[in-house]
Amino acid sequence: MPSQRDSGHRERLLEAAIECLQRKGYARTTARDLVEASGTNLSSIGYHFESKEHLLNVALTEAFQRWLKPLVALAAEPGPATPLERLGRTLAGLTDSLEENRPLISACLEAWAQLARSEDLRVEMLRNYEDFRVAIAATARDAFEEIGAPAVDADSLAVLIIALFDGLLVQWQLDPGGSPKGARLIEAAQGAAVALARNGARLAGDVRRPR
């Protein structure tokens, strides 16, 4: 059983790594930065996380969990709402919080560039993505069941929503002023859904109409 002191070192290292990721980025954070920020020592990194790389990878996924999990939870808040309205809550929370999380987003994009070269990073991010996919799929499944549409493929929809989130992070990093807000995105999705429904009804009518 780890001592209370050992456990405290682990938490201090994790918090220090999150701080360093936002202050110095993924690629520029050194082991000595982590030791200085945590008030521990180099051997503590190896003891608790095996390597600096693994510590940073764990810290990156933990930081994103702390940021995005409460936003995902917004979609599951009680009360009558359509699935798009529920998604809109999360998108609004995401787009409204991009600026304050700019350093974390930058660190994440740095890390993505290393995915093909780091099995440890790939495993950590895959675990993180799977955690989000399960949470988003459960929320989507409940939302569609609430409106009497339980046959929706919630798991695939969750993958699509995560891809939307990731795309927004990249687009915002490229052009912060040109990235649309959550409300505009939902309006666009609603408009597209209405147009598709109307077109589908017209096509169905054409099929049923005698030649």
C-alpha atoms as a PDB file:
ATOM      1  CA  MET A   1       0.000   0.000   0.000  1.00  0.00           C
ATOM      2  CA  PRO A   2       1.444   3.415  -0.959  1.00  0.00           C
ATOM      3  CA  SER A   3       2.072   5.784   1.901  1.00  0.00           C
ATOM      4  CA  GLN A   4       0.104   9.015   2.242  1.00  0.00           C
ATOM      5  CA  ARG A   5       3.276  10.856   1.284  1.00  0.00           C
ATOM      6  CA  ASP A   6       3.644   8.784  -1.911  1.00  0.00           C
ATOM      7  CA  SER A   7       0.018   9.422  -2.827  1.00  0.00           C
ATOM      8  CA  GLY A   8       0.536  13.130  -2.231  1.00  0.00           C
ATOM      9  CA  HIS A   9       3.538  13.143  -4.541  1.00  0.00           C
ATOM     10  CA  ARG A  10       1.493  11.519  -7.289  1.00  0.00           C
ATOM     11  CA  GLU A  11      -1.238  14.131  -7.045  1.00  0.00           C
ATOM     12  CA  ARG A  12       1.276  16.964  -6.931  1.00  0.00           C
ATOM     13  CA  LEU A  13       3.005  15.619 -10.030  1.00  0.00           C
ATOM     14  CA  LEU A  14      -0.298  15.322 -11.877  1.00  0.00           C
ATOM     15  CA  GLU A  15      -1.363  18.858 -10.993  1.00  0.00           C
ATOM     16  CA  ALA A  16       2.100  20.165 -11.864  1.00  0.00           C
ATOM     17  CA  ALA A  17       1.954  18.411 -15.242  1.00  0.00           C
ATOM     18  CA  ILE A  18      -1.428  20.002 -16.025  1.00  0.00           C
ATOM     19  CA  GLU A  19      -0.004  23.392 -15.073  1.00  0.00           C
ATOM     20  CA  CYS A  20       3.125  22.874 -17.195  1.00  0.00           C
ATOM     21  CA  LEU A  21       1.098  21.716 -20.197  1.00  0.00           C
ATOM     22  CA  GLN A  22      -0.811  24.982 -20.131  1.00  0.00           C
ATOM     23  CA  ARG A  23       2.230  27.136 -19.397  1.00  0.00           C
ATOM     24  CA  LYS A  24       4.922  25.523 -21.559  1.00  0.00           C
ATOM     25  CA  GLY A  25       3.055  23.132 -23.850  1.00  0.00           C
ATOM     26  CA  TYR A  26       3.394  19.396 -24.489  1.00  0.00           C
ATOM     27  CA  ALA A  27       6.699  19.381 -26.376  1.00  0.00           C
ATOM     28  CA  ARG A  28       8.624  21.898 -24.255  1.00  0.00           C
ATOM     29  CA  THR A  29       7.831  20.610 -20.762  1.00  0.00           C
ATOM     30  CA  THR A  30      10.853  18.897 -19.234  1.00  0.00           C
ATOM     31  CA  ALA A  31      11.186  16.531 -16.306  1.00  0.00           C
ATOM     32  CA  ARG A  32      12.923  19.288 -14.352  1.00  0.00           C
ATOM     33  CA  ASP A  33       9.958  21.600 -15.009  1.00  0.00           C
ATOM     34  CA  LEU A  34       7.681  18.975 -13.485  1.00  0.00           C
ATOM     35  CA  VAL A  35       9.911  18.491 -10.459  1.00  0.00           C
ATOM     36  CA  GLU A  36      10.179  22.223  -9.856  1.00  0.00           C
ATOM     37  CA  ALA A  37       6.425  22.802 -10.216  1.00  0.00           C
ATOM     38  CA  SER A  38       5.491  19.863  -7.990  1.00  0.00           C
ATOM     39  CA  GLY A  39       8.158  20.224  -5.328  1.00  0.00           C
ATOM     40  CA  THR A  40       9.031  16.537  -5.671  1.00  0.00           C
ATOM     41  CA  ASN A  41      12.049  14.858  -7.284  1.00  0.00           C
ATOM     42  CA  LEU A  42      12.984  13.039 -10.487  1.00  0.00           C
ATOM     43  CA  SER A  43      12.648   9.604  -8.917  1.00  0.00           C
ATOM     44  CA  SER A  44       9.011  10.378  -8.033  1.00  0.00           C
ATOM     45  CA  ILE A  45       8.154  10.649 -11.725  1.00  0.00           C
ATOM     46  CA  GLY A  46       9.552   7.184 -12.392  1.00  0.00           C
ATOM     47  CA  TYR A  47       7.964   5.714  -9.274  1.00  0.00           C
ATOM     48  CA  HIS A  48       4.436   6.984  -9.938  1.00  0.00           C
ATOM     49  CA  PHE A  49       4.288   7.302 -13.733  1.00  0.00           C
ATOM     50  CA  GLU A  50       7.292   5.357 -15.069  1.00  0.00           C
ATOM     51  CA  SER A  51       8.279   8.213 -17.389  1.00  0.00           C
ATOM     52  CA  LYS A  52       7.823  11.915 -18.059  1.00  0.00           C
ATOM     53  CA  GLU A  53       5.991  11.013 -21.266  1.00  0.00           C
ATOM     54  CA  HIS A  54       3.397   8.921 -19.464  1.00  0.00           C
ATOM     55  CA  LEU A  55       2.894  11.604 -16.817  1.00  0.00           C
ATOM     56  CA  LEU A  56       2.225  14.237 -19.486  1.00  0.00           C
ATOM     57  CA  ASN A  57      -0.125  11.911 -21.365  1.00  0.00           C
ATOM     58  CA  VAL A  58      -2.128  11.164 -18.230  1.00  0.00           C
ATOM     59  CA  ALA A  59      -2.195  14.861 -17.338  1.00  0.00           C
ATOM     60  CA  LEU A  60      -3.412  15.837 -20.805  1.00  0.00           C
ATOM     61  CA  THR A  61      -6.341  13.423 -20.735  1.00  0.00           C
ATOM     62  CA  GLU A  62      -7.176  14.398 -17.140  1.00  0.00           C
ATOM     63  CA  ALA A  63      -7.238  18.092 -18.078  1.00  0.00           C
ATOM     64  CA  PHE A  64      -9.627  17.417 -20.949  1.00  0.00           C
ATOM     65  CA  GLN A  65     -11.858  15.316 -18.725  1.00  0.00           C
ATOM     66  CA  ARG A  66     -12.099  18.189 -16.245  1.00  0.00           C
ATOM     67  CA  TRP A  67     -12.980  20.633 -19.020  1.00  0.00           C
ATOM     68  CA  LEU A  68     -15.305  18.617 -21.237  1.00  0.00           C
ATOM     69  CA  LYS A  69     -17.104  16.189 -18.909  1.00  0.00           C
ATOM     70  CA  PRO A  70     -19.204  18.979 -17.294  1.00  0.00           C
ATOM     71  CA  LEU A  71     -20.053  20.268 -20.788  1.00  0.00           C
ATOM     72  CA  VAL A  72     -21.217  16.833 -21.922  1.00  0.00           C
ATOM     73  CA  ALA A  73     -23.320  16.636 -18.747  1.00  0.00           C
ATOM     74  CA  LEU A  74     -25.176  19.803 -19.811  1.00  0.00           C
ATOM     75  CA  ALA A  75     -26.913  17.774 -22.522  1.00  0.00           C
ATOM     76  CA  ALA A  76     -28.331  15.398 -19.922  1.00  0.00           C
ATOM     77  CA  GLU A  77     -29.846  18.042 -17.660  1.00  0.00           C
ATOM     78  CA  PRO A  78     -33.496  17.261 -16.809  1.00  0.00           C
ATOM     79  CA  GLY A  79     -36.361  19.006 -18.535  1.00  0.00           C
ATOM     80  CA  PRO A  80     -38.051  18.817 -21.935  1.00  0.00           C
ATOM     81  CA  ALA A  81     -35.655  19.408 -24.840  1.00  0.00           C
ATOM     82  CA  THR A  82     -35.036  17.994 -28.292  1.00  0.00           C
ATOM     83  CA  PRO A  83     -31.794  16.118 -29.000  1.00  0.00           C
ATOM     84  CA  LEU A  84     -30.513  19.112 -30.996  1.00  0.00           C
ATOM     85  CA  GLU A  85     -31.330  21.479 -28.144  1.00  0.00           C
ATOM     86  CA  ARG A  86     -29.426  19.223 -25.775  1.00  0.00           C
ATOM     87  CA  LEU A  87     -26.450  19.154 -28.120  1.00  0.00           C
ATOM     88  CA  GLY A  88     -26.734  22.927 -28.385  1.00  0.00           C
ATOM     89  CA  ARG A  89     -26.178  23.294 -24.638  1.00  0.00           C
ATOM     90  CA  THR A  90     -22.904  21.410 -24.863  1.00  0.00           C
ATOM     91  CA  LEU A  91     -21.756  23.208 -28.020  1.00  0.00           C
ATOM     92  CA  ALA A  92     -22.527  26.578 -26.453  1.00  0.00           C
ATOM     93  CA  GLY A  93     -20.521  25.620 -23.381  1.00  0.00           C
ATOM     94  CA  LEU A  94     -17.668  24.435 -25.577  1.00  0.00           C
ATOM     95  CA  THR A  95     -17.455  27.484 -27.831  1.00  0.00           C
ATOM     96  CA  ASP A  96     -17.861  29.866 -24.878  1.00  0.00           C
ATOM     97  CA  SER A  97     -14.945  28.234 -23.036  1.00  0.00           C
ATOM     98  CA  LEU A  98     -12.443  27.940 -25.907  1.00  0.00           C
ATOM     99  CA  GLU A  99     -10.541  31.130 -25.145  1.00  0.00           C
ATOM    100  CA  GLU A 100      -9.954  30.325 -21.477  1.00  0.00           C
ATOM    101  CA  ASN A 101      -8.678  26.877 -22.508  1.00  0.00           C
ATOM    102  CA  ARG A 102      -6.432  28.115 -25.316  1.00  0.00           C
ATOM    103  CA  PRO A 103      -3.191  26.801 -23.692  1.00  0.00           C
ATOM    104  CA  LEU A 104      -4.739  23.364 -23.172  1.00  0.00           C
ATOM    105  CA  ILE A 105      -5.958  23.222 -26.786  1.00  0.00           C
ATOM    106  CA  SER A 106      -2.496  24.151 -28.023  1.00  0.00           C
ATOM    107  CA  ALA A 107      -0.937  21.406 -25.898  1.00  0.00           C
ATOM    108  CA  CYS A 108      -3.442  18.905 -27.247  1.00  0.00           C
ATOM    109  CA  LEU A 109      -2.672  19.761 -30.875  1.00  0.00           C
ATOM    110  CA  GLU A 110       1.033  19.377 -30.090  1.00  0.00           C
ATOM    111  CA  ALA A 111       0.329  15.943 -28.640  1.00  0.00           C
ATOM    112  CA  TRP A 112      -1.774  14.835 -31.622  1.00  0.00           C
ATOM    113  CA  ALA A 113       1.299  15.269 -33.820  1.00  0.00           C
ATOM    114  CA  GLN A 114       3.043  12.570 -31.753  1.00  0.00           C
ATOM    115  CA  LEU A 115       0.284   9.939 -31.966  1.00  0.00           C
ATOM    116  CA  ALA A 116       1.948   7.954 -34.753  1.00  0.00           C
ATOM    117  CA  ARG A 117       5.205   7.773 -32.771  1.00  0.00           C
ATOM    118  CA  SER A 118       3.978   7.201 -29.221  1.00  0.00           C
ATOM    119  CA  GLU A 119       2.113   4.041 -28.308  1.00  0.00           C
ATOM    120  CA  ASP A 120       1.702   5.319 -24.748  1.00  0.00           C
ATOM    121  CA  LEU A 121       0.005   8.502 -25.960  1.00  0.00           C
ATOM    122  CA  ARG A 122      -2.215   6.541 -28.348  1.00  0.00           C
ATOM    123  CA  VAL A 123      -3.367   4.220 -25.556  1.00  0.00           C
ATOM    124  CA  GLU A 124      -4.118   7.090 -23.177  1.00  0.00           C
ATOM    125  CA  MET A 125      -6.021   9.098 -25.789  1.00  0.00           C
ATOM    126  CA  LEU A 126      -7.936   6.042 -26.973  1.00  0.00           C
ATOM    127  CA  ARG A 127      -9.026   5.377 -23.399  1.00  0.00           C
ATOM    128  CA  ASN A 128     -10.080   9.011 -23.097  1.00  0.00           C
ATOM    129  CA  TYR A 129     -12.012   8.942 -26.366  1.00  0.00           C
ATOM    130  CA  GLU A 130     -13.770   5.726 -25.400  1.00  0.00           C
ATOM    131  CA  ASP A 131     -14.803   7.261 -22.085  1.00  0.00           C
ATOM    132  CA  PHE A 132     -16.311  10.252 -23.871  1.00  0.00           C
ATOM    133  CA  ARG A 133     -17.928   8.059 -26.539  1.00  0.00           C
ATOM    134  CA  VAL A 134     -19.719   5.984 -23.908  1.00  0.00           C
ATOM    135  CA  ALA A 135     -20.930   9.077 -22.029  1.00  0.00           C
ATOM    136  CA  ILE A 136     -22.116  10.883 -25.173  1.00  0.00           C
ATOM    137  CA  ALA A 137     -23.785   7.754 -26.582  1.00  0.00           C
ATOM    138  CA  ALA A 138     -25.715   7.208 -23.337  1.00  0.00           C
ATOM    139  CA  THR A 139     -26.910  10.825 -23.345  1.00  0.00           C
ATOM    140  CA  ALA A 140     -27.910  10.638 -27.015  1.00  0.00           C
ATOM    141  CA  ARG A 141     -29.733   7.345 -26.505  1.00  0.00           C
ATOM    142  CA  ASP A 142     -31.772   8.798 -23.654  1.00  0.00           C
ATOM    143  CA  ALA A 143     -32.512  11.985 -25.613  1.00  0.00           C
ATOM    144  CA  PHE A 144     -33.905  10.118 -28.618  1.00  0.00           C
ATOM    145  CA  GLU A 145     -35.853   7.666 -26.506  1.00  0.00           C
ATOM    146  CA  GLU A 146     -37.440  10.682 -24.812  1.00  0.00           C
ATOM    147  CA  ILE A 147     -38.932  11.813 -28.144  1.00  0.00           C
ATOM    148  CA  GLY A 148     -39.967   8.293 -29.199  1.00  0.00           C
ATOM    149  CA  ALA A 149     -37.062   7.539 -31.552  1.00  0.00           C
ATOM    150  CA  PRO A 150     -35.146   4.733 -29.819  1.00  0.00           C
ATOM    151  CA  ALA A 151     -33.736   3.196 -33.024  1.00  0.00           C
ATOM    152  CA  VAL A 152     -31.020   5.840 -33.514  1.00  0.00           C
ATOM    153  CA  ASP A 153     -27.458   4.450 -33.663  1.00  0.00           C
ATOM    154  CA  ALA A 154     -26.249   6.363 -30.592  1.00  0.00           C
ATOM    155  CA  ASP A 155     -22.744   4.877 -30.659  1.00  0.00           C
ATOM    156  CA  SER A 156     -22.034   6.069 -34.214  1.00  0.00           C
ATOM    157  CA  LEU A 157     -23.677   9.408 -33.456  1.00  0.00           C
ATOM    158  CA  ALA A 158     -21.322   9.815 -30.484  1.00  0.00           C
ATOM    159  CA  VAL A 159     -18.323   9.300 -32.794  1.00  0.00           C
ATOM    160  CA  LEU A 160     -19.716  11.992 -35.110  1.00  0.00           C
ATOM    161  CA  ILE A 161     -20.189  14.432 -32.205  1.00  0.00           C
ATOM    162  CA  ILE A 162     -16.633  13.832 -30.973  1.00  0.00           C
ATOM    163  CA  ALA A 163     -15.377  14.486 -34.511  1.00  0.00           C
ATOM    164  CA  LEU A 164     -17.347  17.749 -34.458  1.00  0.00           C
ATOM    165  CA  PHE A 165     -15.717  18.730 -31.158  1.00  0.00           C
ATOM    166  CA  ASP A 166     -12.232  17.938 -32.463  1.00  0.00           C
ATOM    167  CA  GLY A 167     -12.876  19.830 -35.685  1.00  0.00           C
ATOM    168  CA  LEU A 168     -14.028  22.886 -33.763  1.00  0.00           C
ATOM    169  CA  LEU A 169     -10.822  22.864 -31.708  1.00  0.00           C
ATOM    170  CA  VAL A 170      -8.687  22.816 -34.857  1.00  0.00           C
ATOM    171  CA  GLN A 171     -10.752  25.435 -36.681  1.00  0.00           C
ATOM    172  CA  TRP A 172     -10.776  27.748 -33.650  1.00  0.00           C
ATOM    173  CA  GLN A 173      -7.009  27.428 -33.319  1.00  0.00           C
ATOM    174  CA  LEU A 174      -6.640  28.431 -36.993  1.00  0.00           C
ATOM    175  CA  ASP A 175      -9.189  31.253 -36.929  1.00  0.00           C
ATOM    176  CA  PRO A 176     -10.633  32.133 -33.511  1.00  0.00           C
ATOM    177  CA  GLY A 177     -12.689  35.016 -34.887  1.00  0.00           C
ATOM    178  CA  GLY A 178     -14.158  33.000 -37.723  1.00  0.00           C
ATOM    179  CA  SER A 179     -15.362  30.010 -35.713  1.00  0.00           C
ATOM    180  CA  PRO A 180     -19.172  29.935 -35.353  1.00  0.00           C
ATOM    181  CA  LYS A 181     -20.832  29.864 -31.955  1.00  0.00           C
ATOM    182  CA  GLY A 182     -22.810  26.863 -30.764  1.00  0.00           C
ATOM    183  CA  ALA A 183     -26.190  28.480 -31.450  1.00  0.00           C
ATOM    184  CA  ARG A 184     -25.308  29.097 -35.086  1.00  0.00           C
ATOM    185  CA  LEU A 185     -24.138  25.518 -35.511  1.00  0.00           C
ATOM    186  CA  ILE A 186     -27.407  24.200 -34.115  1.00  0.00           C
ATOM    187  CA  GLU A 187     -29.435  26.519 -36.344  1.00  0.00           C
ATOM    188  CA  ALA A 188     -27.522  25.205 -39.346  1.00  0.00           C
ATOM    189  CA  ALA A 189     -28.142  21.591 -38.275  1.00  0.00           C
ATOM    190  CA  GLN A 190     -31.853  22.281 -37.746  1.00  0.00           C
ATOM    191  CA  GLY A 191     -32.123  23.918 -41.163  1.00  0.00           C
ATOM    192  CA  ALA A 192     -30.391  20.976 -42.816  1.00  0.00           C
ATOM    193  CA  ALA A 193     -32.639  18.482 -40.983  1.00  0.00           C
ATOM    194  CA  VAL A 194     -35.798  20.325 -42.110  1.00  0.00           C
ATOM    195  CA  ALA A 195     -34.572  20.468 -45.702  1.00  0.00           C
ATOM    196  CA  LEU A 196     -33.728  16.769 -45.701  1.00  0.00           C
ATOM    197  CA  ALA A 197     -37.102  15.879 -44.191  1.00  0.00           C
ATOM    198  CA  ARG A 198     -38.951  17.888 -46.825  1.00  0.00           C
ATOM    199  CA  ASN A 199     -36.884  16.439 -49.629  1.00  0.00           C
ATOM    200  CA  GLY A 200     -37.398  12.953 -48.233  1.00  0.00           C
ATOM    201  CA  ALA A 201     -41.160  13.457 -48.119  1.00  0.00           C
ATOM    202  CA  ARG A 202     -41.154  14.716 -51.730  1.00  0.00           C
ATOM    203  CA  LEU A 203     -39.100  11.757 -52.893  1.00  0.00           C
ATOM    204  CA  ALA A 204     -41.393   9.352 -51.053  1.00  0.00           C
ATOM    205  CA  GLY A 205     -44.379  10.973 -52.740  1.00  0.00           C
ATOM    206  CA  ASP A 206     -42.733  10.596 -56.128  1.00  0.00           C
ATOM    207  CA  VAL A 207     -42.152   6.900 -55.467  1.00  0.00           C
ATOM    208  CA  ARG A 208     -45.762   6.297 -54.434  1.00  0.00           C
ATOM    209  CA  ARG A 209     -47.270   8.375 -57.278  1.00  0.00           C
ATOM    210  CA  PRO A 210     -48.499   6.114 -60.143  1.00  0.00           C
ATOM    211  CA  ARG A 211     -46.538   6.433 -63.363  1.00  0.00           C
END
